[in-house]
Amino acid sequence: MLDILLALLILLGSFFTLVGSIGLFKLPDFYMRLHGPTKASTLGVGAILVASAIYFSTQTGHLSLHEILVTLFLFITAPVSAHLMAKAAIHIKVRQIKRTRQTDATK
């Protein structure tokens, strides 16, 4: 039963990491490409780390904190770094395609 759970978590993590990688490759501009690694890949790596934590916790009999800390660090730093990259891209005026341009809906 544990092997099935671990296999499902690893497959789920691999799927989301693949989707994030494809998004990074296929999306047309910088702002859209930020979503691939920050959303899908974070979830994918998180699922793989949870599988690793479950595996090592059951093997050693102790709660494996390394993977939990890495997961927390990843979930905190990935959105912050994506936000900072987007702010820097706006600041240096990275070219946007028409679909990512901000409309003046507030005016």
Foldseek 3Di string as FASTA:
>chain_A
DLVVQLVVLLVQLVVLLVQLVVQLVPDDFDLSNLCSCLPSNLSSLLSNLVSVQVVVCVVVVHRDCPSVVVNVVSNVPSVVVSVVVVVVCVVVVGDDDPVPDDDPPVD
